[in-house]
Amino acid sequence: MYPNFEDYLNHADDIRFAFNASLPAFQLADVMYEFYEHEDPSKISQWKCLVDFHKYLAEKEPAYLTIQSIATAYKHLRPKGSFYEIGSPMALWGLTLPADDLDLDSSLQGRRDVIARRKDGTQVSVTDALTAVINLWPRILPEEKPEQR
C-alpha cells in the first residue's frame, strides 16, 4: 500500500498512479477481514460481515468512500460510450465511469493532483482522500503480538 501511495505522490497528476494507489488502500479491508475471519475471528467480531466493516471504515473516515469508488471503478472499468479522452501519453485526463458516476480528471491549477468529481457534483482531491485513508489504517489494524516459539 505505501509504495503505491509514494508512487502516486511522485506522479500526483497521473490518474494511473491514483488508481494504483487507491486499489490496495481499499483492498486492505478485504484482506484484513478475510485473514482474521480464519486466523482470529475475535479481531473482527464486532462486524457481522465484510460489508459492515466497509461501513465502519467509511464512518471512521469519509474519504474511504471516495477511495472505494475509485478502486471499484478501476476493477470494473467500462468507459461510458465508445471512447475516453487522453490528454497526453500515459496520463488519462478524463474518464466517466457509469457504475459509480465517478468522473476523474487531472487538474493543473495549483498543485499537482487528480480530482475526483462525485455524482453529486462535489470535487475531492485524490491526494487528500488517499492520505486520509492511508492514515486510517494504522488506527484500524489490530496490534499483532510476536509469536512465542
Protein backbone atom coordinates (compact mmCIF):
# COMPACT_ATOMS: atom_id res chain seq x y z
CA MET A 1 0.00 0.00 0.00
CA TYR A 2 2.68 2.51 0.99
CA PRO A 3 4.89 2.08 -2.12
CA ASN A 4 1.89 2.68 -4.39
CA PHE A 5 0.95 5.75 -2.38
CA GLU A 6 4.50 7.10 -2.63
CA ASP A 7 4.49 6.45 -6.40
CA TYR A 8 1.25 8.40 -6.65
CA LEU A 9 2.67 11.33 -4.66
CA ASN A 10 5.57 11.45 -7.12
CA HIS A 11 3.12 11.49 -10.06
CA ALA A 12 0.12 13.16 -8.46
CA ASP A 13 -1.34 14.38 -11.74
CA ASP A 14 -1.42 10.94 -13.37
CA ILE A 15 -4.67 9.05 -12.97
CA ARG A 16 -2.95 5.68 -13.46
CA PHE A 17 -1.00 6.22 -10.26
CA ALA A 18 -4.18 7.37 -8.50
CA PHE A 19 -5.87 4.10 -9.48
CA ASN A 20 -2.80 2.06 -8.48
CA ALA A 21 -2.68 3.68 -5.04
CA SER A 22 -6.43 3.53 -4.42
CA LEU A 23 -6.83 -0.18 -5.07
CA PRO A 24 -4.60 -1.52 -2.24
CA ALA A 25 -5.78 1.23 0.14
CA PHE A 26 -9.32 -0.12 -0.38
CA GLN A 27 -8.47 -3.84 -0.75
CA LEU A 28 -6.71 -3.93 2.61
CA ALA A 29 -10.17 -4.12 4.19
CA ASP A 30 -10.95 -7.34 2.31
CA VAL A 31 -7.52 -8.80 3.03
CA MET A 32 -7.69 -7.94 6.73
CA TYR A 33 -11.24 -9.23 7.15
CA GLU A 34 -10.53 -12.49 5.32
CA PHE A 35 -7.31 -13.08 7.27
CA TYR A 36 -8.87 -12.58 10.70
CA GLU A 37 -12.01 -14.47 9.74
CA HIS A 38 -9.81 -17.58 9.51
CA GLU A 39 -6.96 -16.78 11.92
CA ASP A 40 -8.55 -14.91 14.83
CA PRO A 41 -12.27 -14.13 14.45
CA SER A 42 -12.29 -12.23 17.73
CA LYS A 43 -10.45 -9.36 15.99
CA ILE A 44 -13.39 -8.78 13.62
CA SER A 45 -16.28 -9.99 15.79
CA GLN A 46 -17.79 -6.51 16.08
CA TRP A 47 -18.76 -6.67 12.39
CA LYS A 48 -21.30 -9.19 11.14
CA CYS A 49 -19.85 -9.28 7.64
CA LEU A 50 -17.38 -7.58 5.32
CA VAL A 51 -19.97 -5.01 4.20
CA ASP A 52 -20.39 -3.91 7.82
CA PHE A 53 -16.62 -3.50 8.10
CA HIS A 54 -16.61 -1.29 4.99
CA LYS A 55 -19.43 0.80 6.50
CA TYR A 56 -17.43 1.15 9.71
CA LEU A 57 -14.37 2.34 7.78
CA ALA A 58 -16.49 4.91 5.94
CA GLU A 59 -17.85 6.17 9.27
CA LYS A 60 -14.32 6.48 10.69
CA GLU A 61 -13.02 8.21 7.55
CA PRO A 62 -15.48 9.61 4.97
CA ALA A 63 -12.69 9.75 2.36
CA TYR A 64 -12.77 5.95 2.41
CA LEU A 65 -15.90 6.13 0.20
CA THR A 66 -14.01 8.15 -2.41
CA ILE A 67 -11.13 5.67 -2.45
CA GLN A 68 -13.62 2.79 -2.57
CA SER A 69 -15.33 4.38 -5.58
CA ILE A 70 -12.04 4.90 -7.41
CA ALA A 71 -10.85 1.36 -6.64
CA THR A 72 -14.18 -0.15 -7.67
CA ALA A 73 -14.20 1.85 -10.88
CA TYR A 74 -10.70 0.57 -11.61
CA LYS A 75 -11.73 -3.03 -11.01
CA HIS A 76 -14.79 -2.67 -13.24
CA LEU A 77 -13.52 -0.21 -15.81
CA ARG A 78 -16.13 0.27 -18.51
CA PRO A 79 -15.97 3.54 -20.40
CA LYS A 80 -19.27 5.32 -20.87
CA GLY A 81 -19.66 5.36 -24.63
CA SER A 82 -17.05 4.34 -27.13
CA PHE A 83 -14.09 6.46 -26.00
CA TYR A 84 -12.40 8.35 -23.23
CA GLU A 85 -10.24 11.40 -23.52
CA ILE A 86 -6.47 11.13 -23.08
CA GLY A 87 -4.61 14.40 -22.72
CA SER A 88 -1.07 13.09 -23.02
CA PRO A 89 0.72 9.78 -23.40
CA MET A 90 0.47 7.58 -20.31
CA ALA A 91 -1.83 10.00 -18.46
CA LEU A 92 -5.61 9.73 -18.51
CA TRP A 93 -7.05 13.22 -18.25
CA GLY A 94 -10.74 12.46 -18.16
CA LEU A 95 -12.92 9.41 -17.71
CA THR A 96 -16.58 8.98 -16.88
CA LEU A 97 -17.43 5.72 -15.19
CA PRO A 98 -21.09 4.71 -15.37
CA ALA A 99 -21.18 2.29 -12.42
CA ASP A 100 -20.41 4.95 -9.83
CA ASP A 101 -20.89 8.02 -12.00
CA LEU A 102 -17.42 8.97 -10.84
CA ASP A 103 -15.63 11.37 -13.15
CA LEU A 104 -11.89 11.65 -12.70
CA ASP A 105 -9.64 14.23 -14.27
CA SER A 106 -6.30 15.82 -13.64
CA SER A 107 -6.11 19.41 -12.53
CA LEU A 108 -3.09 21.53 -13.33
CA GLN A 109 -4.46 24.55 -11.48
CA GLY A 110 -2.44 24.99 -8.30
CA ARG A 111 -0.93 21.75 -7.14
CA ARG A 112 -0.44 18.52 -9.00
CA ASP A 113 -3.42 16.34 -8.16
CA VAL A 114 -6.12 14.10 -9.53
CA ILE A 115 -9.58 15.43 -8.76
CA ALA A 116 -12.50 13.04 -8.31
CA ARG A 117 -15.80 14.62 -9.26
CA ARG A 118 -18.53 12.73 -7.40
CA LYS A 119 -22.02 12.02 -8.68
CA ASP A 120 -23.38 14.86 -6.53
CA GLY A 121 -21.01 17.31 -8.26
CA THR A 122 -18.58 17.75 -5.36
CA GLN A 123 -14.90 17.58 -6.16
CA VAL A 124 -12.41 15.72 -3.98
CA SER A 125 -8.63 15.76 -4.10
CA VAL A 126 -7.47 12.17 -4.56
CA THR A 127 -4.27 13.14 -2.75
CA ASP A 128 -6.27 14.29 0.29
CA ALA A 129 -8.56 11.24 0.17
CA LEU A 130 -5.67 8.78 -0.17
CA THR A 131 -3.72 10.47 2.62
CA ALA A 132 -6.73 10.21 4.94
CA VAL A 133 -7.29 6.52 4.15
CA ILE A 134 -3.59 5.64 4.42
CA ASN A 135 -3.55 7.35 7.83
CA LEU A 136 -6.71 5.47 8.86
CA TRP A 137 -5.18 2.01 8.56
CA PRO A 138 -2.70 2.17 11.47
CA ARG A 139 -5.66 3.00 13.74
CA ILE A 140 -7.74 0.09 12.39
CA LEU A 141 -5.30 -2.79 12.05
CA PRO A 142 -5.14 -4.90 15.22
CA GLU A 143 -1.89 -4.92 17.12
CA GLU A 144 0.00 -8.12 16.47
CA LYS A 145 1.89 -9.88 19.21
CA PRO A 146 5.13 -11.65 18.24
CA GLU A 147 4.76 -15.41 18.09
CA GLN A 148 6.22 -17.34 21.00
CA ARG A 149 8.29 -20.33 19.95
